[in-house]
């Protein structure tokens, strides 16, 4: 523990009204997890114009949220590390230059997810609706192994850095897929989201899908672990 703490450059605390604090730790490039996270993000962009990673923040949600995901993981298994793009409020600029603090507004999905985890009703569903993206596998928590895919959903987190570059952020999450239903269909009927006996849906690359998607249907199935901040080319 002491070794990893020495590779933390800055720590932030935040929390929406009436909630326990979350903790965000800005990692140095010497942190043991930094190289693999950066490599996964860049190598899995799979689209033109690969961005530059500016910083990575470790996310520690309140303990009660964490324990719920631990129980779900023990019951279901099959954990996968995936990306999730979301939105944040206009007032939430701390991740751009690390000079401010998280806004801790209920309306800010970045802060809300850090406080409460992924909650479909409160901090996940609205991002896709505002961006007018199709929810091809029903109402659920959407993730992808392709960072470039999740970037489509991160456009509402966009800020402008001091150098004029467009800066965005996206979460790295641990997602418990459990018994996953695999499909190459571009969409499924509501009664198949997920099919009976399954916990999640995995949309595989095929004629109906360019990039993979993993959809979980229980809030406890996913937990944010890192927040990657990046500059678009």
C-alpha atoms as a PDB file:
ATOM      1  CA  UNK A   1       0.000   0.000   0.000  1.00  0.00           C
ATOM      2  CA  UNK A   2       2.761   2.443   0.937  1.00  0.00           C
ATOM      3  CA  UNK A   3       4.464   1.849  -2.402  1.00  0.00           C
ATOM      4  CA  UNK A   4       1.413   2.773  -4.441  1.00  0.00           C
ATOM      5  CA  UNK A   5       0.610   5.757  -2.210  1.00  0.00           C
ATOM      6  CA  UNK A   6       4.033   7.210  -3.033  1.00  0.00           C
ATOM      7  CA  UNK A   7       2.947   7.340  -6.678  1.00  0.00           C
ATOM      8  CA  UNK A   8      -0.104   9.518  -5.994  1.00  0.00           C
ATOM      9  CA  UNK A   9       0.407  13.145  -6.994  1.00  0.00           C
ATOM     10  CA  UNK A  10      -2.821  14.673  -5.720  1.00  0.00           C
ATOM     11  CA  UNK A  11      -6.008  13.605  -3.971  1.00  0.00           C
ATOM     12  CA  UNK A  12      -9.534  14.976  -4.294  1.00  0.00           C
ATOM     13  CA  UNK A  13     -12.597  14.328  -2.188  1.00  0.00           C
ATOM     14  CA  UNK A  14     -16.153  14.914  -3.238  1.00  0.00           C
ATOM     15  CA  UNK A  15     -19.677  13.696  -2.759  1.00  0.00           C
ATOM     16  CA  UNK A  16     -23.168  14.690  -3.736  1.00  0.00           C
ATOM     17  CA  UNK A  17     -25.535  16.038  -1.114  1.00  0.00           C
ATOM     18  CA  UNK A  18     -26.097  13.669   1.777  1.00  0.00           C
ATOM     19  CA  UNK A  19     -23.635  11.068   0.490  1.00  0.00           C
ATOM     20  CA  UNK A  20     -20.356   9.741   1.803  1.00  0.00           C
ATOM     21  CA  UNK A  21     -17.255  11.138   0.159  1.00  0.00           C
ATOM     22  CA  UNK A  22     -15.575   9.520  -2.793  1.00  0.00           C
ATOM     23  CA  UNK A  23     -11.810   9.812  -3.300  1.00  0.00           C
ATOM     24  CA  UNK A  24      -9.978  10.504  -6.559  1.00  0.00           C
ATOM     25  CA  UNK A  25      -6.197  10.075  -6.635  1.00  0.00           C
ATOM     26  CA  UNK A  26      -4.140  11.474  -9.515  1.00  0.00           C
ATOM     27  CA  UNK A  27      -1.538   8.824 -10.316  1.00  0.00           C
ATOM     28  CA  UNK A  28       2.026   9.518 -11.351  1.00  0.00           C
ATOM     29  CA  UNK A  29       3.356   7.756 -14.439  1.00  0.00           C
ATOM     30  CA  UNK A  30       5.470   5.614 -12.094  1.00  0.00           C
ATOM     31  CA  UNK A  31       2.361   4.084 -10.519  1.00  0.00           C
ATOM     32  CA  UNK A  32       2.249   0.300 -11.173  1.00  0.00           C
ATOM     33  CA  UNK A  33      -1.154   0.528 -12.903  1.00  0.00           C
ATOM     34  CA  UNK A  34      -0.440   3.568 -15.071  1.00  0.00           C
ATOM     35  CA  UNK A  35       1.378   1.867 -17.995  1.00  0.00           C
ATOM     36  CA  UNK A  36      -1.192  -0.915 -18.478  1.00  0.00           C
ATOM     37  CA  UNK A  37      -4.141   1.480 -18.274  1.00  0.00           C
ATOM     38  CA  UNK A  38      -2.538   3.877 -20.726  1.00  0.00           C
ATOM     39  CA  UNK A  39      -1.683   1.029 -23.106  1.00  0.00           C
ATOM     40  CA  UNK A  40      -5.197  -0.401 -22.952  1.00  0.00           C
ATOM     41  CA  UNK A  41      -6.744   3.005 -23.651  1.00  0.00           C
ATOM     42  CA  UNK A  42      -4.468   3.839 -26.612  1.00  0.00           C
ATOM     43  CA  UNK A  43      -4.270   0.368 -28.175  1.00  0.00           C
ATOM     44  CA  UNK A  44      -8.043  -0.127 -27.967  1.00  0.00           C
ATOM     45  CA  UNK A  45      -8.979   3.240 -29.497  1.00  0.00           C
ATOM     46  CA  UNK A  46      -9.426   1.547 -32.903  1.00  0.00           C
ATOM     47  CA  UNK A  47     -10.455   4.766 -34.623  1.00  0.00           C
ATOM     48  CA  UNK A  48      -8.583   7.510 -36.495  1.00  0.00           C
ATOM     49  CA  UNK A  49      -6.933  10.216 -34.421  1.00  0.00           C
ATOM     50  CA  UNK A  50      -5.642   8.523 -31.274  1.00  0.00           C
ATOM     51  CA  UNK A  51      -5.755  10.958 -28.328  1.00  0.00           C
ATOM     52  CA  UNK A  52      -3.037  11.672 -25.769  1.00  0.00           C
ATOM     53  CA  UNK A  53      -3.522  10.551 -22.176  1.00  0.00           C
ATOM     54  CA  UNK A  54      -3.067  13.545 -19.896  1.00  0.00           C
ATOM     55  CA  UNK A  55      -3.605  11.870 -16.537  1.00  0.00           C
ATOM     56  CA  UNK A  56      -5.245   8.946 -14.800  1.00  0.00           C
ATOM     57  CA  UNK A  57      -7.172   9.212 -11.551  1.00  0.00           C
ATOM     58  CA  UNK A  58      -7.937   6.230  -9.356  1.00  0.00           C
ATOM     59  CA  UNK A  59     -11.560   6.179  -8.183  1.00  0.00           C
ATOM     60  CA  UNK A  60     -12.550   4.946  -4.734  1.00  0.00           C
ATOM     61  CA  UNK A  61     -16.303   4.931  -4.251  1.00  0.00           C
ATOM     62  CA  UNK A  62     -17.875   5.007  -0.761  1.00  0.00           C
ATOM     63  CA  UNK A  63     -17.513   1.683   1.045  1.00  0.00           C
ATOM     64  CA  UNK A  64     -21.222   0.799   1.042  1.00  0.00           C
ATOM     65  CA  UNK A  65     -21.297   1.055  -2.759  1.00  0.00           C
ATOM     66  CA  UNK A  66     -18.097  -0.972  -3.032  1.00  0.00           C
ATOM     67  CA  UNK A  67     -19.414  -3.762  -0.804  1.00  0.00           C
ATOM     68  CA  UNK A  68     -22.555  -4.168  -2.926  1.00  0.00           C
ATOM     69  CA  UNK A  69     -20.437  -4.739  -6.023  1.00  0.00           C
ATOM     70  CA  UNK A  70     -18.218  -7.195  -4.141  1.00  0.00           C
ATOM     71  CA  UNK A  71     -21.248  -9.286  -3.168  1.00  0.00           C
ATOM     72  CA  UNK A  72     -22.535  -9.281  -6.747  1.00  0.00           C
ATOM     73  CA  UNK A  73     -19.100 -10.233  -8.083  1.00  0.00           C
ATOM     74  CA  UNK A  74     -18.836 -13.170  -5.679  1.00  0.00           C
ATOM     75  CA  UNK A  75     -22.284 -14.390  -6.686  1.00  0.00           C
ATOM     76  CA  UNK A  76     -21.916 -14.022 -10.464  1.00  0.00           C
ATOM     77  CA  UNK A  77     -18.223 -13.851 -11.428  1.00  0.00           C
ATOM     78  CA  UNK A  78     -16.797 -13.183 -14.907  1.00  0.00           C
ATOM     79  CA  UNK A  79     -15.354  -9.705 -14.277  1.00  0.00           C
ATOM     80  CA  UNK A  80     -14.133  -7.671 -17.246  1.00  0.00           C
ATOM     81  CA  UNK A  81     -12.332  -4.312 -17.430  1.00  0.00           C
ATOM     82  CA  UNK A  82     -14.218  -1.985 -19.762  1.00  0.00           C
ATOM     83  CA  UNK A  83     -14.578   1.692 -20.718  1.00  0.00           C
ATOM     84  CA  UNK A  84     -17.578   3.940 -20.087  1.00  0.00           C
ATOM     85  CA  UNK A  85     -18.033   7.459 -21.466  1.00  0.00           C
ATOM     86  CA  UNK A  86     -20.346   9.893 -19.724  1.00  0.00           C
ATOM     87  CA  UNK A  87     -21.115  13.582 -19.218  1.00  0.00           C
ATOM     88  CA  UNK A  88     -20.229  16.121 -16.555  1.00  0.00           C
ATOM     89  CA  UNK A  89     -21.540  19.523 -15.556  1.00  0.00           C
ATOM     90  CA  UNK A  90     -20.259  22.768 -17.036  1.00  0.00           C
ATOM     91  CA  UNK A  91     -18.912  23.716 -13.600  1.00  0.00           C
ATOM     92  CA  UNK A  92     -16.863  20.528 -13.170  1.00  0.00           C
ATOM     93  CA  UNK A  93     -13.410  21.349 -14.540  1.00  0.00           C
ATOM     94  CA  UNK A  94     -11.062  19.864 -11.954  1.00  0.00           C
ATOM     95  CA  UNK A  95      -9.787  17.079 -14.221  1.00  0.00           C
ATOM     96  CA  UNK A  96      -8.576  19.555 -16.870  1.00  0.00           C
ATOM     97  CA  UNK A  97      -5.763  21.098 -14.817  1.00  0.00           C
ATOM     98  CA  UNK A  98      -6.247  19.659 -11.289  1.00  0.00           C
ATOM     99  CA  UNK A  99      -6.605  23.182  -9.892  1.00  0.00           C
ATOM    100  CA  UNK A 100     -10.216  23.007  -8.744  1.00  0.00           C
ATOM    101  CA  UNK A 101     -12.322  20.386  -7.013  1.00  0.00           C
ATOM    102  CA  UNK A 102     -15.049  18.010  -8.163  1.00  0.00           C
ATOM    103  CA  UNK A 103     -18.294  19.970  -8.382  1.00  0.00           C
ATOM    104  CA  UNK A 104     -20.163  17.272  -6.393  1.00  0.00           C
ATOM    105  CA  UNK A 105     -23.425  18.196  -8.099  1.00  0.00           C
ATOM    106  CA  UNK A 106     -26.172  15.596  -8.445  1.00  0.00           C
ATOM    107  CA  UNK A 107     -26.516  16.774 -12.039  1.00  0.00           C
ATOM    108  CA  UNK A 108     -22.873  15.923 -12.821  1.00  0.00           C
ATOM    109  CA  UNK A 109     -22.626  12.324 -13.991  1.00  0.00           C
ATOM    110  CA  UNK A 110     -18.881  12.108 -13.326  1.00  0.00           C
ATOM    111  CA  UNK A 111     -19.319  13.107  -9.674  1.00  0.00           C
ATOM    112  CA  UNK A 112     -22.559  11.136  -9.342  1.00  0.00           C
ATOM    113  CA  UNK A 113     -20.962   7.923 -10.597  1.00  0.00           C
ATOM    114  CA  UNK A 114     -18.003   8.421  -8.242  1.00  0.00           C
ATOM    115  CA  UNK A 115     -20.441   8.869  -5.340  1.00  0.00           C
ATOM    116  CA  UNK A 116     -23.096   6.253  -6.062  1.00  0.00           C
ATOM    117  CA  UNK A 117     -21.530   3.929  -8.612  1.00  0.00           C
ATOM    118  CA  UNK A 118     -23.324   3.288 -11.902  1.00  0.00           C
ATOM    119  CA  UNK A 119     -27.044   3.872 -11.393  1.00  0.00           C
ATOM    120  CA  UNK A 120     -29.135   3.486 -14.532  1.00  0.00           C
ATOM    121  CA  UNK A 121     -31.946   5.738 -13.334  1.00  0.00           C
ATOM    122  CA  UNK A 122     -29.777   8.571 -11.989  1.00  0.00           C
ATOM    123  CA  UNK A 123     -26.479   8.868 -13.830  1.00  0.00           C
ATOM    124  CA  UNK A 124     -26.289   6.557 -16.841  1.00  0.00           C
ATOM    125  CA  UNK A 125     -29.454   6.578 -18.925  1.00  0.00           C
ATOM    126  CA  UNK A 126     -29.550  10.356 -19.475  1.00  0.00           C
ATOM    127  CA  UNK A 127     -26.203  10.554 -21.292  1.00  0.00           C
ATOM    128  CA  UNK A 128     -27.335   8.263 -24.119  1.00  0.00           C
ATOM    129  CA  UNK A 129     -30.690  10.006 -24.357  1.00  0.00           C
ATOM    130  CA  UNK A 130     -29.197  13.493 -24.587  1.00  0.00           C
ATOM    131  CA  UNK A 131     -26.785  12.321 -27.273  1.00  0.00           C
ATOM    132  CA  UNK A 132     -29.668  10.566 -29.060  1.00  0.00           C
ATOM    133  CA  UNK A 133     -27.804   7.251 -29.119  1.00  0.00           C
ATOM    134  CA  UNK A 134     -29.727   4.078 -29.712  1.00  0.00           C
ATOM    135  CA  UNK A 135     -29.843   1.620 -26.820  1.00  0.00           C
ATOM    136  CA  UNK A 136     -29.705  -1.466 -29.007  1.00  0.00           C
ATOM    137  CA  UNK A 137     -29.760  -3.946 -26.120  1.00  0.00           C
ATOM    138  CA  UNK A 138     -32.379  -2.293 -23.952  1.00  0.00           C
ATOM    139  CA  UNK A 139     -32.137  -0.225 -20.785  1.00  0.00           C
ATOM    140  CA  UNK A 140     -28.844  -1.106 -19.162  1.00  0.00           C
ATOM    141  CA  UNK A 141     -25.327  -0.047 -18.239  1.00  0.00           C
ATOM    142  CA  UNK A 142     -23.292   0.103 -21.457  1.00  0.00           C
ATOM    143  CA  UNK A 143     -19.548  -0.536 -21.646  1.00  0.00           C
ATOM    144  CA  UNK A 144     -17.027  -1.391 -24.340  1.00  0.00           C
ATOM    145  CA  UNK A 145     -13.501  -2.759 -24.587  1.00  0.00           C
ATOM    146  CA  UNK A 146     -12.968  -0.112 -27.290  1.00  0.00           C
ATOM    147  CA  UNK A 147     -12.063   3.278 -25.820  1.00  0.00           C
ATOM    148  CA  UNK A 148     -12.842   4.970 -29.128  1.00  0.00           C
ATOM    149  CA  UNK A 149     -16.401   3.621 -28.887  1.00  0.00           C
ATOM    150  CA  UNK A 150     -16.842   4.971 -25.351  1.00  0.00           C
ATOM    151  CA  UNK A 151     -15.473   8.312 -26.530  1.00  0.00           C
ATOM    152  CA  UNK A 152     -18.704   8.764 -28.497  1.00  0.00           C
ATOM    153  CA  UNK A 153     -20.518   8.963 -25.155  1.00  0.00           C
ATOM    154  CA  UNK A 154     -17.840  11.156 -23.550  1.00  0.00           C
ATOM    155  CA  UNK A 155     -18.469  14.151 -25.798  1.00  0.00           C
ATOM    156  CA  UNK A 156     -20.611  15.739 -23.086  1.00  0.00           C
ATOM    157  CA  UNK A 157     -17.599  15.761 -20.758  1.00  0.00           C
ATOM    158  CA  UNK A 158     -15.591  17.911 -23.172  1.00  0.00           C
ATOM    159  CA  UNK A 159     -13.673  20.941 -21.889  1.00  0.00           C
ATOM    160  CA  UNK A 160     -11.008  23.179 -23.422  1.00  0.00           C
ATOM    161  CA  UNK A 161      -7.494  23.026 -21.985  1.00  0.00           C
ATOM    162  CA  UNK A 162      -5.130  25.971 -21.560  1.00  0.00           C
ATOM    163  CA  UNK A 163      -3.466  25.025 -24.854  1.00  0.00           C
ATOM    164  CA  UNK A 164      -6.788  25.097 -26.690  1.00  0.00           C
ATOM    165  CA  UNK A 165      -6.996  21.302 -26.979  1.00  0.00           C
ATOM    166  CA  UNK A 166     -10.301  19.523 -26.421  1.00  0.00           C
ATOM    167  CA  UNK A 167     -10.114  17.529 -23.188  1.00  0.00           C
ATOM    168  CA  UNK A 168     -12.463  14.693 -22.249  1.00  0.00           C
ATOM    169  CA  UNK A 169     -12.657  11.969 -19.616  1.00  0.00           C
ATOM    170  CA  UNK A 170     -14.002   8.431 -19.426  1.00  0.00           C
ATOM    171  CA  UNK A 171     -14.212   5.781 -16.751  1.00  0.00           C
ATOM    172  CA  UNK A 172     -12.449   2.449 -16.614  1.00  0.00           C
ATOM    173  CA  UNK A 173     -14.835   0.072 -14.856  1.00  0.00           C
ATOM    174  CA  UNK A 174     -14.777  -3.451 -13.513  1.00  0.00           C
ATOM    175  CA  UNK A 175     -17.924  -5.077 -14.859  1.00  0.00           C
ATOM    176  CA  UNK A 176     -19.293  -8.376 -13.570  1.00  0.00           C
ATOM    177  CA  UNK A 177     -20.787  -9.974 -16.669  1.00  0.00           C
ATOM    178  CA  UNK A 178     -21.914 -13.173 -14.940  1.00  0.00           C
ATOM    179  CA  UNK A 179     -23.624 -15.478 -17.418  1.00  0.00           C
ATOM    180  CA  UNK A 180     -23.248 -13.394 -20.566  1.00  0.00           C
ATOM    181  CA  UNK A 181     -25.458 -13.821 -23.639  1.00  0.00           C
ATOM    182  CA  UNK A 182     -23.324 -13.446 -26.774  1.00  0.00           C
ATOM    183  CA  UNK A 183     -24.856 -12.049 -29.942  1.00  0.00           C
ATOM    184  CA  UNK A 184     -23.805 -10.543 -33.267  1.00  0.00           C
ATOM    185  CA  UNK A 185     -27.241  -9.094 -33.880  1.00  0.00           C
ATOM    186  CA  UNK A 186     -27.364  -5.324 -34.094  1.00  0.00           C
ATOM    187  CA  UNK A 187     -30.232  -5.168 -31.602  1.00  0.00           C
ATOM    188  CA  UNK A 188     -32.460  -7.363 -29.455  1.00  0.00           C
ATOM    189  CA  UNK A 189     -36.114  -7.234 -28.485  1.00  0.00           C
ATOM    190  CA  UNK A 190     -36.950  -6.028 -25.007  1.00  0.00           C
ATOM    191  CA  UNK A 191     -37.730  -9.579 -23.840  1.00  0.00           C
ATOM    192  CA  UNK A 192     -34.163 -10.558 -24.735  1.00  0.00           C
ATOM    193  CA  UNK A 193     -32.472  -7.791 -22.724  1.00  0.00           C
ATOM    194  CA  UNK A 194     -31.225  -9.963 -21.159  1.00  0.00           C
ATOM    195  CA  UNK A 195     -32.676 -13.354 -22.116  1.00  0.00           C
ATOM    196  CA  UNK A 196     -34.023 -15.498 -19.278  1.00  0.00           C
ATOM    197  CA  UNK A 197     -31.191 -17.107 -17.333  1.00  0.00           C
ATOM    198  CA  UNK A 198     -28.581 -14.542 -18.382  1.00  0.00           C
ATOM    199  CA  UNK A 199     -27.091 -11.616 -16.481  1.00  0.00           C
ATOM    200  CA  UNK A 200     -25.687  -9.501 -19.303  1.00  0.00           C
ATOM    201  CA  UNK A 201     -25.534  -9.134 -23.070  1.00  0.00           C
ATOM    202  CA  UNK A 202     -22.302  -8.977 -25.056  1.00  0.00           C
ATOM    203  CA  UNK A 203     -22.660  -7.536 -28.531  1.00  0.00           C
ATOM    204  CA  UNK A 204     -19.836  -9.057 -30.569  1.00  0.00           C
ATOM    205  CA  UNK A 205     -18.301  -7.528 -33.671  1.00  0.00           C
ATOM    206  CA  UNK A 206     -20.131  -8.669 -36.784  1.00  0.00           C
ATOM    207  CA  UNK A 207     -22.443  -7.452 -39.514  1.00  0.00           C
ATOM    208  CA  UNK A 208     -24.606  -5.628 -36.966  1.00  0.00           C
ATOM    209  CA  UNK A 209     -21.894  -4.122 -34.780  1.00  0.00           C
ATOM    210  CA  UNK A 210     -18.571  -2.429 -35.568  1.00  0.00           C
ATOM    211  CA  UNK A 211     -17.286  -2.354 -31.981  1.00  0.00           C
ATOM    212  CA  UNK A 212     -18.185  -4.617 -29.082  1.00  0.00           C
ATOM    213  CA  UNK A 213     -20.564  -3.667 -26.285  1.00  0.00           C
ATOM    214  CA  UNK A 214     -21.146  -5.176 -22.847  1.00  0.00           C
ATOM    215  CA  UNK A 215     -24.487  -4.373 -21.235  1.00  0.00           C
ATOM    216  CA  UNK A 216     -25.202  -5.111 -17.569  1.00  0.00           C
ATOM    217  CA  UNK A 217     -28.677  -4.761 -16.106  1.00  0.00           C
ATOM    218  CA  UNK A 218     -27.995  -4.458 -12.374  1.00  0.00           C
ATOM    219  CA  UNK A 219     -26.393  -1.377 -10.819  1.00  0.00           C
ATOM    220  CA  UNK A 220     -24.240  -3.614  -8.596  1.00  0.00           C
ATOM    221  CA  UNK A 221     -22.673  -5.262 -11.652  1.00  0.00           C
ATOM    222  CA  UNK A 222     -20.204  -2.442 -12.302  1.00  0.00           C
ATOM    223  CA  UNK A 223     -17.908  -0.188 -10.334  1.00  0.00           C
ATOM    224  CA  UNK A 224     -15.756   2.726 -11.563  1.00  0.00           C
ATOM    225  CA  UNK A 225     -12.077   2.119 -10.854  1.00  0.00           C
ATOM    226  CA  UNK A 226     -10.243   4.799 -12.843  1.00  0.00           C
ATOM    227  CA  UNK A 227     -10.967   8.046 -14.678  1.00  0.00           C
ATOM    228  CA  UNK A 228      -8.814   8.636 -17.757  1.00  0.00           C
ATOM    229  CA  UNK A 229      -8.358  12.235 -18.884  1.00  0.00           C
ATOM    230  CA  UNK A 230      -7.264  12.701 -22.482  1.00  0.00           C
ATOM    231  CA  UNK A 231      -6.733  15.359 -25.150  1.00  0.00           C
ATOM    232  CA  UNK A 232      -8.142  14.899 -28.629  1.00  0.00           C
ATOM    233  CA  UNK A 233      -5.705  15.450 -31.517  1.00  0.00           C
END
